[in-house]
Amino acid sequence: MLNINSIIGGATLAFIGWIAFSVVDLKTETAVISVKVDQNNKLLAELWDFYLQERVNDDIAWANRKPSIQASDERS
């Protein structure tokens, strides 16, 4: 005959085992996400550097250009 102590002990061990598996799964998912974030960071850093190198020789503000729209002298 099963007594109440053995049932509670078995349930407690099962609960602790479930928590252990959950923690391992969480650590695995966190490691995968960390790797993906690092890869994205490297890619974005390379793209940003490329963008900045291309824009260095460009006149970003276009302060020295004349507008292509001219006001007309004709009055309607």
PDB file of N, CA and C in Angstrom:
ATOM      1  N   MET A   1       0.831  -1.170   0.000  1.00  0.00           N
ATOM      2  CA  MET A   1       0.000   0.000   0.000  1.00  0.00           C
ATOM      3  C   MET A   1       0.887   1.248   0.000  1.00  0.00           C
ATOM      4  N   LEU A   2       0.490   2.215  -0.834  1.00  0.00           N
ATOM      5  CA  LEU A   2       1.258   3.460  -0.929  1.00  0.00           C
ATOM      6  C   LEU A   2       0.856   4.403   0.190  1.00  0.00           C
ATOM      7  N   ASN A   3       1.834   4.988   0.785  1.00  0.00           N
ATOM      8  CA  ASN A   3       1.503   5.987   1.789  1.00  0.00           C
ATOM      9  C   ASN A   3       1.638   7.385   1.171  1.00  0.00           C
ATOM     10  N   ILE A   4       1.150   8.368   1.841  1.00  0.00           N
ATOM     11  CA  ILE A   4       1.086   9.730   1.329  1.00  0.00           C
ATOM     12  C   ILE A   4       2.480  10.331   1.161  1.00  0.00           C
ATOM     13  N   ASN A   5       3.444   9.910   1.997  1.00  0.00           N
ATOM     14  CA  ASN A   5       4.795  10.456   1.908  1.00  0.00           C
ATOM     15  C   ASN A   5       5.480  10.041   0.605  1.00  0.00           C
ATOM     16  N   SER A   6       5.309   8.833   0.164  1.00  0.00           N
ATOM     17  CA  SER A   6       5.945   8.382  -1.073  1.00  0.00           C
ATOM     18  C   SER A   6       5.302   9.069  -2.289  1.00  0.00           C
ATOM     19  N   ILE A   7       4.010   9.330  -2.244  1.00  0.00           N
ATOM     20  CA  ILE A   7       3.340  10.032  -3.350  1.00  0.00           C
ATOM     21  C   ILE A   7       3.829  11.480  -3.433  1.00  0.00           C
ATOM     22  N   ILE A   8       3.915  12.130  -2.288  1.00  0.00           N
ATOM     23  CA  ILE A   8       4.388  13.519  -2.264  1.00  0.00           C
ATOM     24  C   ILE A   8       5.863  13.573  -2.686  1.00  0.00           C
ATOM     25  N   GLY A   9       6.662  12.632  -2.245  1.00  0.00           N
ATOM     26  CA  GLY A   9       8.079  12.581  -2.634  1.00  0.00           C
ATOM     27  C   GLY A   9       8.243  12.380  -4.131  1.00  0.00           C
ATOM     28  N   GLY A  10       7.450  11.476  -4.715  1.00  0.00           N
ATOM     29  CA  GLY A  10       7.518  11.243  -6.161  1.00  0.00           C
ATOM     30  C   GLY A  10       7.080  12.464  -6.951  1.00  0.00           C
ATOM     31  N   ALA A  11       6.017  13.133  -6.509  1.00  0.00           N
ATOM     32  CA  ALA A  11       5.545  14.334  -7.182  1.00  0.00           C
ATOM     33  C   ALA A  11       6.581  15.452  -7.081  1.00  0.00           C
ATOM     34  N   THR A  12       7.230  15.553  -5.939  1.00  0.00           N
ATOM     35  CA  THR A  12       8.261  16.579  -5.758  1.00  0.00           C
ATOM     36  C   THR A  12       9.452  16.317  -6.676  1.00  0.00           C
ATOM     37  N   LEU A  13       9.889  15.069  -6.772  1.00  0.00           N
ATOM     38  CA  LEU A  13      10.991  14.733  -7.670  1.00  0.00           C
ATOM     39  C   LEU A  13      10.620  14.987  -9.127  1.00  0.00           C
ATOM     40  N   ALA A  14       9.394  14.664  -9.500  1.00  0.00           N
ATOM     41  CA  ALA A  14       8.949  14.919 -10.874  1.00  0.00           C
ATOM     42  C   ALA A  14       8.931  16.419 -11.166  1.00  0.00           C
ATOM     43  N   PHE A  15       8.490  17.204 -10.209  1.00  0.00           N
ATOM     44  CA  PHE A  15       8.450  18.664 -10.384  1.00  0.00           C
ATOM     45  C   PHE A  15       9.856  19.236 -10.518  1.00  0.00           C
ATOM     46  N   ILE A  16      10.783  18.771  -9.681  1.00  0.00           N
ATOM     47  CA  ILE A  16      12.165  19.243  -9.750  1.00  0.00           C
ATOM     48  C   ILE A  16      12.806  18.827 -11.080  1.00  0.00           C
ATOM     49  N   GLY A  17      12.515  17.639 -11.554  1.00  0.00           N
ATOM     50  CA  GLY A  17      13.018  17.190 -12.856  1.00  0.00           C
ATOM     51  C   GLY A  17      12.478  18.049 -13.985  1.00  0.00           C
ATOM     52  N   TRP A  18      11.194  18.389 -13.928  1.00  0.00           N
ATOM     53  CA  TRP A  18      10.593  19.252 -14.950  1.00  0.00           C
ATOM     54  C   TRP A  18      11.261  20.628 -14.959  1.00  0.00           C
ATOM     55  N   ILE A  19      11.535  21.167 -13.761  1.00  0.00           N
ATOM     56  CA  ILE A  19      12.205  22.470 -13.664  1.00  0.00           C
ATOM     57  C   ILE A  19      13.606  22.377 -14.267  1.00  0.00           C
ATOM     58  N   ALA A  20      14.322  21.286 -13.994  1.00  0.00           N
ATOM     59  CA  ALA A  20      15.683  21.120 -14.522  1.00  0.00           C
ATOM     60  C   ALA A  20      15.667  21.086 -16.048  1.00  0.00           C
ATOM     61  N   PHE A  21      14.747  20.330 -16.641  1.00  0.00           N
ATOM     62  CA  PHE A  21      14.653  20.284 -18.108  1.00  0.00           C
ATOM     63  C   PHE A  21      14.270  21.640 -18.690  1.00  0.00           C
ATOM     64  N   SER A  22      13.419  22.362 -18.013  1.00  0.00           N
ATOM     65  CA  SER A  22      13.016  23.683 -18.486  1.00  0.00           C
ATOM     66  C   SER A  22      14.190  24.667 -18.468  1.00  0.00           C
ATOM     67  N   VAL A  23      14.999  24.604 -17.443  1.00  0.00           N
ATOM     68  CA  VAL A  23      16.164  25.491 -17.338  1.00  0.00           C
ATOM     69  C   VAL A  23      17.177  25.175 -18.437  1.00  0.00           C
ATOM     70  N   VAL A  24      17.408  23.908 -18.701  1.00  0.00           N
ATOM     71  CA  VAL A  24      18.337  23.515 -19.767  1.00  0.00           C
ATOM     72  C   VAL A  24      17.819  24.000 -21.114  1.00  0.00           C
ATOM     73  N   ASP A  25      16.530  23.846 -21.360  1.00  0.00           N
ATOM     74  CA  ASP A  25      15.937  24.310 -22.615  1.00  0.00           C
ATOM     75  C   ASP A  25      16.044  25.824 -22.738  1.00  0.00           C
ATOM     76  N   LEU A  26      15.811  26.537 -21.655  1.00  0.00           N
ATOM     77  CA  LEU A  26      15.920  27.998 -21.662  1.00  0.00           C
ATOM     78  C   LEU A  26      17.347  28.442 -21.945  1.00  0.00           C
ATOM     79  N   LYS A  27      18.328  27.772 -21.343  1.00  0.00           N
ATOM     80  CA  LYS A  27      19.728  28.119 -21.592  1.00  0.00           C
ATOM     81  C   LYS A  27      20.089  27.874 -23.060  1.00  0.00           C
ATOM     82  N   THR A  28      19.580  26.795 -23.642  1.00  0.00           N
ATOM     83  CA  THR A  28      19.858  26.503 -25.042  1.00  0.00           C
ATOM     84  C   THR A  28      19.267  27.578 -25.942  1.00  0.00           C
ATOM     85  N   GLU A  29      18.030  27.966 -25.701  1.00  0.00           N
ATOM     86  CA  GLU A  29      17.398  29.011 -26.510  1.00  0.00           C
ATOM     87  C   GLU A  29      18.126  30.344 -26.346  1.00  0.00           C
ATOM     88  N   THR A  30      18.558  30.653 -25.147  1.00  0.00           N
ATOM     89  CA  THR A  30      19.281  31.901 -24.903  1.00  0.00           C
ATOM     90  C   THR A  30      20.615  31.908 -25.638  1.00  0.00           C
ATOM     91  N   ALA A  31      21.303  30.782 -25.666  1.00  0.00           N
ATOM     92  CA  ALA A  31      22.579  30.698 -26.380  1.00  0.00           C
ATOM     93  C   ALA A  31      22.377  30.886 -27.883  1.00  0.00           C
ATOM     94  N   VAL A  32      21.328  30.292 -28.432  1.00  0.00           N
ATOM     95  CA  VAL A  32      21.044  30.433 -29.862  1.00  0.00           C
ATOM     96  C   VAL A  32      20.716  31.883 -30.191  1.00  0.00           C
ATOM     97  N   ILE A  33      19.904  32.520 -29.370  1.00  0.00           N
ATOM     98  CA  ILE A  33      19.548  33.923 -29.597  1.00  0.00           C
ATOM     99  C   ILE A  33      20.787  34.804 -29.497  1.00  0.00           C
ATOM    100  N   SER A  34      21.663  34.518 -28.555  1.00  0.00           N
ATOM    101  CA  SER A  34      22.883  35.302 -28.386  1.00  0.00           C
ATOM    102  C   SER A  34      23.761  35.223 -29.628  1.00  0.00           C
ATOM    103  N   VAL A  35      23.888  34.043 -30.203  1.00  0.00           N
ATOM    104  CA  VAL A  35      24.688  33.883 -31.426  1.00  0.00           C
ATOM    105  C   VAL A  35      24.065  34.661 -32.573  1.00  0.00           C
ATOM    106  N   LYS A  36      22.749  34.587 -32.708  1.00  0.00           N
ATOM    107  CA  LYS A  36      22.073  35.312 -33.791  1.00  0.00           C
ATOM    108  C   LYS A  36      22.227  36.823 -33.630  1.00  0.00           C
ATOM    109  N   VAL A  37      22.132  37.316 -32.406  1.00  0.00           N
ATOM    110  CA  VAL A  37      22.292  38.754 -32.168  1.00  0.00           C
ATOM    111  C   VAL A  37      23.716  39.193 -32.500  1.00  0.00           C
ATOM    112  N   ASP A  38      24.701  38.389 -32.129  1.00  0.00           N
ATOM    113  CA  ASP A  38      26.090  38.724 -32.454  1.00  0.00           C
ATOM    114  C   ASP A  38      26.313  38.759 -33.963  1.00  0.00           C
ATOM    115  N   GLN A  39      25.730  37.811 -34.690  1.00  0.00           N
ATOM    116  CA  GLN A  39      25.872  37.796 -36.146  1.00  0.00           C
ATOM    117  C   GLN A  39      25.205  39.020 -36.765  1.00  0.00           C
ATOM    118  N   ASN A  40      24.028  39.382 -36.283  1.00  0.00           N
ATOM    119  CA  ASN A  40      23.349  40.570 -36.799  1.00  0.00           C
ATOM    120  C   ASN A  40      24.148  41.830 -36.501  1.00  0.00           C
ATOM    121  N   ASN A  41      24.738  41.896 -35.309  1.00  0.00           N
ATOM    122  CA  ASN A  41      25.537  43.057 -34.937  1.00  0.00           C
ATOM    123  C   ASN A  41      26.736  43.204 -35.872  1.00  0.00           C
ATOM    124  N   LYS A  42      27.419  42.102 -36.179  1.00  0.00           N
ATOM    125  CA  LYS A  42      28.569  42.154 -37.088  1.00  0.00           C
ATOM    126  C   LYS A  42      28.132  42.596 -38.487  1.00  0.00           C
ATOM    127  N   LEU A  43      27.020  42.055 -38.960  1.00  0.00           N
ATOM    128  CA  LEU A  43      26.526  42.407 -40.289  1.00  0.00           C
ATOM    129  C   LEU A  43      26.147  43.877 -40.360  1.00  0.00           C
ATOM    130  N   LEU A  44      25.433  44.355 -39.363  1.00  0.00           N
ATOM    131  CA  LEU A  44      25.034  45.767 -39.360  1.00  0.00           C
ATOM    132  C   LEU A  44      26.232  46.689 -39.226  1.00  0.00           C
ATOM    133  N   ALA A  45      27.234  46.295 -38.469  1.00  0.00           N
ATOM    134  CA  ALA A  45      28.440  47.111 -38.346  1.00  0.00           C
ATOM    135  C   ALA A  45      29.150  47.215 -39.688  1.00  0.00           C
ATOM    136  N   GLU A  46      29.238  46.105 -40.432  1.00  0.00           N
ATOM    137  CA  GLU A  46      29.865  46.130 -41.754  1.00  0.00           C
ATOM    138  C   GLU A  46      29.058  46.986 -42.729  1.00  0.00           C
ATOM    139  N   LEU A  47      27.752  46.851 -42.701  1.00  0.00           N
ATOM    140  CA  LEU A  47      26.915  47.655 -43.592  1.00  0.00           C
ATOM    141  C   LEU A  47      27.015  49.132 -43.254  1.00  0.00           C
ATOM    142  N   TRP A  48      27.045  49.469 -41.981  1.00  0.00           N
ATOM    143  CA  TRP A  48      27.143  50.869 -41.569  1.00  0.00           C
ATOM    144  C   TRP A  48      28.491  51.455 -41.985  1.00  0.00           C
ATOM    145  N   ASP A  49      29.565  50.686 -41.801  1.00  0.00           N
ATOM    146  CA  ASP A  49      30.884  51.156 -42.235  1.00  0.00           C
ATOM    147  C   ASP A  49      30.921  51.379 -43.739  1.00  0.00           C
ATOM    148  N   PHE A  50      30.329  50.458 -44.502  1.00  0.00           N
ATOM    149  CA  PHE A  50      30.276  50.612 -45.953  1.00  0.00           C
ATOM    150  C   PHE A  50      29.484  51.855 -46.330  1.00  0.00           C
ATOM    151  N   TYR A  51      28.377  52.085 -45.681  1.00  0.00           N
ATOM    152  CA  TYR A  51      27.549  53.261 -45.958  1.00  0.00           C
ATOM    153  C   TYR A  51      28.314  54.545 -45.652  1.00  0.00           C
ATOM    154  N   LEU A  52      29.004  54.569 -44.521  1.00  0.00           N
ATOM    155  CA  LEU A  52      29.753  55.771 -44.154  1.00  0.00           C
ATOM    156  C   LEU A  52      30.913  56.022 -45.111  1.00  0.00           C
ATOM    157  N   GLN A  53      31.581  54.979 -45.575  1.00  0.00           N
ATOM    158  CA  GLN A  53      32.684  55.148 -46.511  1.00  0.00           C
ATOM    159  C   GLN A  53      32.183  55.680 -47.851  1.00  0.00           C
ATOM    160  N   GLU A  54      31.010  55.235 -48.286  1.00  0.00           N
ATOM    161  CA  GLU A  54      30.449  55.707 -49.548  1.00  0.00           C
ATOM    162  C   GLU A  54      30.006  57.160 -49.433  1.00  0.00           C
ATOM    163  N   ARG A  55      29.547  57.551 -48.264  1.00  0.00           N
ATOM    164  CA  ARG A  55      29.005  58.893 -48.088  1.00  0.00           C
ATOM    165  C   ARG A  55      30.079  59.927 -47.761  1.00  0.00           C
ATOM    166  N   VAL A  56      31.301  59.511 -47.482  1.00  0.00           N
ATOM    167  CA  VAL A  56      32.341  60.463 -47.102  1.00  0.00           C
ATOM    168  C   VAL A  56      32.626  61.425 -48.246  1.00  0.00           C
ATOM    169  N   ASN A  57      32.693  60.925 -49.462  1.00  0.00           N
ATOM    170  CA  ASN A  57      33.020  61.767 -50.600  1.00  0.00           C
ATOM    171  C   ASN A  57      31.804  62.476 -51.171  1.00  0.00           C
ATOM    172  N   ASP A  58      30.637  62.114 -50.739  1.00  0.00           N
ATOM    173  CA  ASP A  58      29.409  62.756 -51.207  1.00  0.00           C
ATOM    174  C   ASP A  58      29.173  64.041 -50.436  1.00  0.00           C
ATOM    175  N   ASP A  59      28.533  64.974 -51.097  1.00  0.00           N
ATOM    176  CA  ASP A  59      28.128  66.185 -50.412  1.00  0.00           C
ATOM    177  C   ASP A  59      26.738  65.926 -49.850  1.00  0.00           C
ATOM    178  N   ILE A  60      26.671  65.562 -48.594  1.00  0.00           N
ATOM    179  CA  ILE A  60      25.412  65.132 -48.011  1.00  0.00           C
ATOM    180  C   ILE A  60      24.404  66.268 -47.973  1.00  0.00           C
ATOM    181  N   ALA A  61      24.855  67.476 -47.658  1.00  0.00           N
ATOM    182  CA  ALA A  61      23.917  68.592 -47.503  1.00  0.00           C
ATOM    183  C   ALA A  61      23.556  69.239 -48.845  1.00  0.00           C
ATOM    184  N   TRP A  62      24.344  69.012 -49.870  1.00  0.00           N
ATOM    185  CA  TRP A  62      24.132  69.623 -51.187  1.00  0.00           C
ATOM    186  C   TRP A  62      24.072  71.144 -51.070  1.00  0.00           C
ATOM    187  N   ALA A  63      24.928  71.708 -50.242  1.00  0.00           N
ATOM    188  CA  ALA A  63      24.890  73.152 -50.001  1.00  0.00           C
ATOM    189  C   ALA A  63      25.398  73.947 -51.190  1.00  0.00           C
ATOM    190  N   ASN A  64      26.187  73.332 -52.044  1.00  0.00           N
ATOM    191  CA  ASN A  64      26.765  74.077 -53.153  1.00  0.00           C
ATOM    192  C   ASN A  64      26.006  73.877 -54.468  1.00  0.00           C
ATOM    193  N   ARG A  65      24.884  73.234 -54.456  1.00  0.00           N
ATOM    194  CA  ARG A  65      24.120  72.986 -55.684  1.00  0.00           C
ATOM    195  C   ARG A  65      23.018  74.021 -55.845  1.00  0.00           C
ATOM    196  N   LYS A  66      22.750  74.328 -57.097  1.00  0.00           N
ATOM    197  CA  LYS A  66      21.662  75.257 -57.393  1.00  0.00           C
ATOM    198  C   LYS A  66      20.371  74.471 -57.560  1.00  0.00           C
ATOM    199  N   PRO A  67      19.267  75.042 -57.174  1.00  0.00           N
ATOM    200  CA  PRO A  67      18.003  74.323 -57.349  1.00  0.00           C
ATOM    201  C   PRO A  67      17.664  74.187 -58.825  1.00  0.00           C
ATOM    202  N   SER A  68      17.003  73.095 -59.170  1.00  0.00           N
ATOM    203  CA  SER A  68      16.639  72.861 -60.572  1.00  0.00           C
ATOM    204  C   SER A  68      15.321  73.538 -60.921  1.00  0.00           C
ATOM    205  N   ILE A  69      14.624  74.075 -59.945  1.00  0.00           N
ATOM    206  CA  ILE A  69      13.357  74.758 -60.198  1.00  0.00           C
ATOM    207  C   ILE A  69      13.618  76.257 -60.225  1.00  0.00           C
ATOM    208  N   GLN A  70      13.232  76.885 -61.316  1.00  0.00           N
ATOM    209  CA  GLN A  70      13.426  78.326 -61.440  1.00  0.00           C
ATOM    210  C   GLN A  70      12.049  79.009 -61.410  1.00  0.00           C
ATOM    211  N   ALA A  71      12.012  80.147 -60.788  1.00  0.00           N
ATOM    212  CA  ALA A  71      10.758  80.919 -60.745  1.00  0.00           C
ATOM    213  C   ALA A  71      10.545  81.562 -62.111  1.00  0.00           C
ATOM    214  N   SER A  72       9.313  81.532 -62.558  1.00  0.00           N
ATOM    215  CA  SER A  72       9.023  82.135 -63.865  1.00  0.00           C
ATOM    216  C   SER A  72       8.657  83.606 -63.681  1.00  0.00           C
ATOM    217  N   ASP A  73       8.928  84.396 -64.727  1.00  0.00           N
ATOM    218  CA  ASP A  73       8.589  85.814 -64.712  1.00  0.00           C
ATOM    219  C   ASP A  73       7.190  86.068 -65.206  1.00  0.00           C
ATOM    220  N   GLU A  74       6.595  85.075 -65.801  1.00  0.00           N
ATOM    221  CA  GLU A  74       5.257  85.249 -66.370  1.00  0.00           C
ATOM    222  C   GLU A  74       4.207  85.282 -65.273  1.00  0.00           C
ATOM    223  N   ARG A  75       3.279  86.252 -65.424  1.00  0.00           N
ATOM    224  CA  ARG A  75       2.197  86.343 -64.467  1.00  0.00           C
ATOM    225  C   ARG A  75       0.902  86.073 -65.211  1.00  0.00           C
ATOM    226  N   SER A  76       0.093  85.211 -64.688  1.00  0.00           N
ATOM    227  CA  SER A  76      -1.148  84.863 -65.366  1.00  0.00           C
ATOM    228  C   SER A  76      -2.293  85.733 -64.907  1.00  0.00           C
TER     229      SER A  76
END
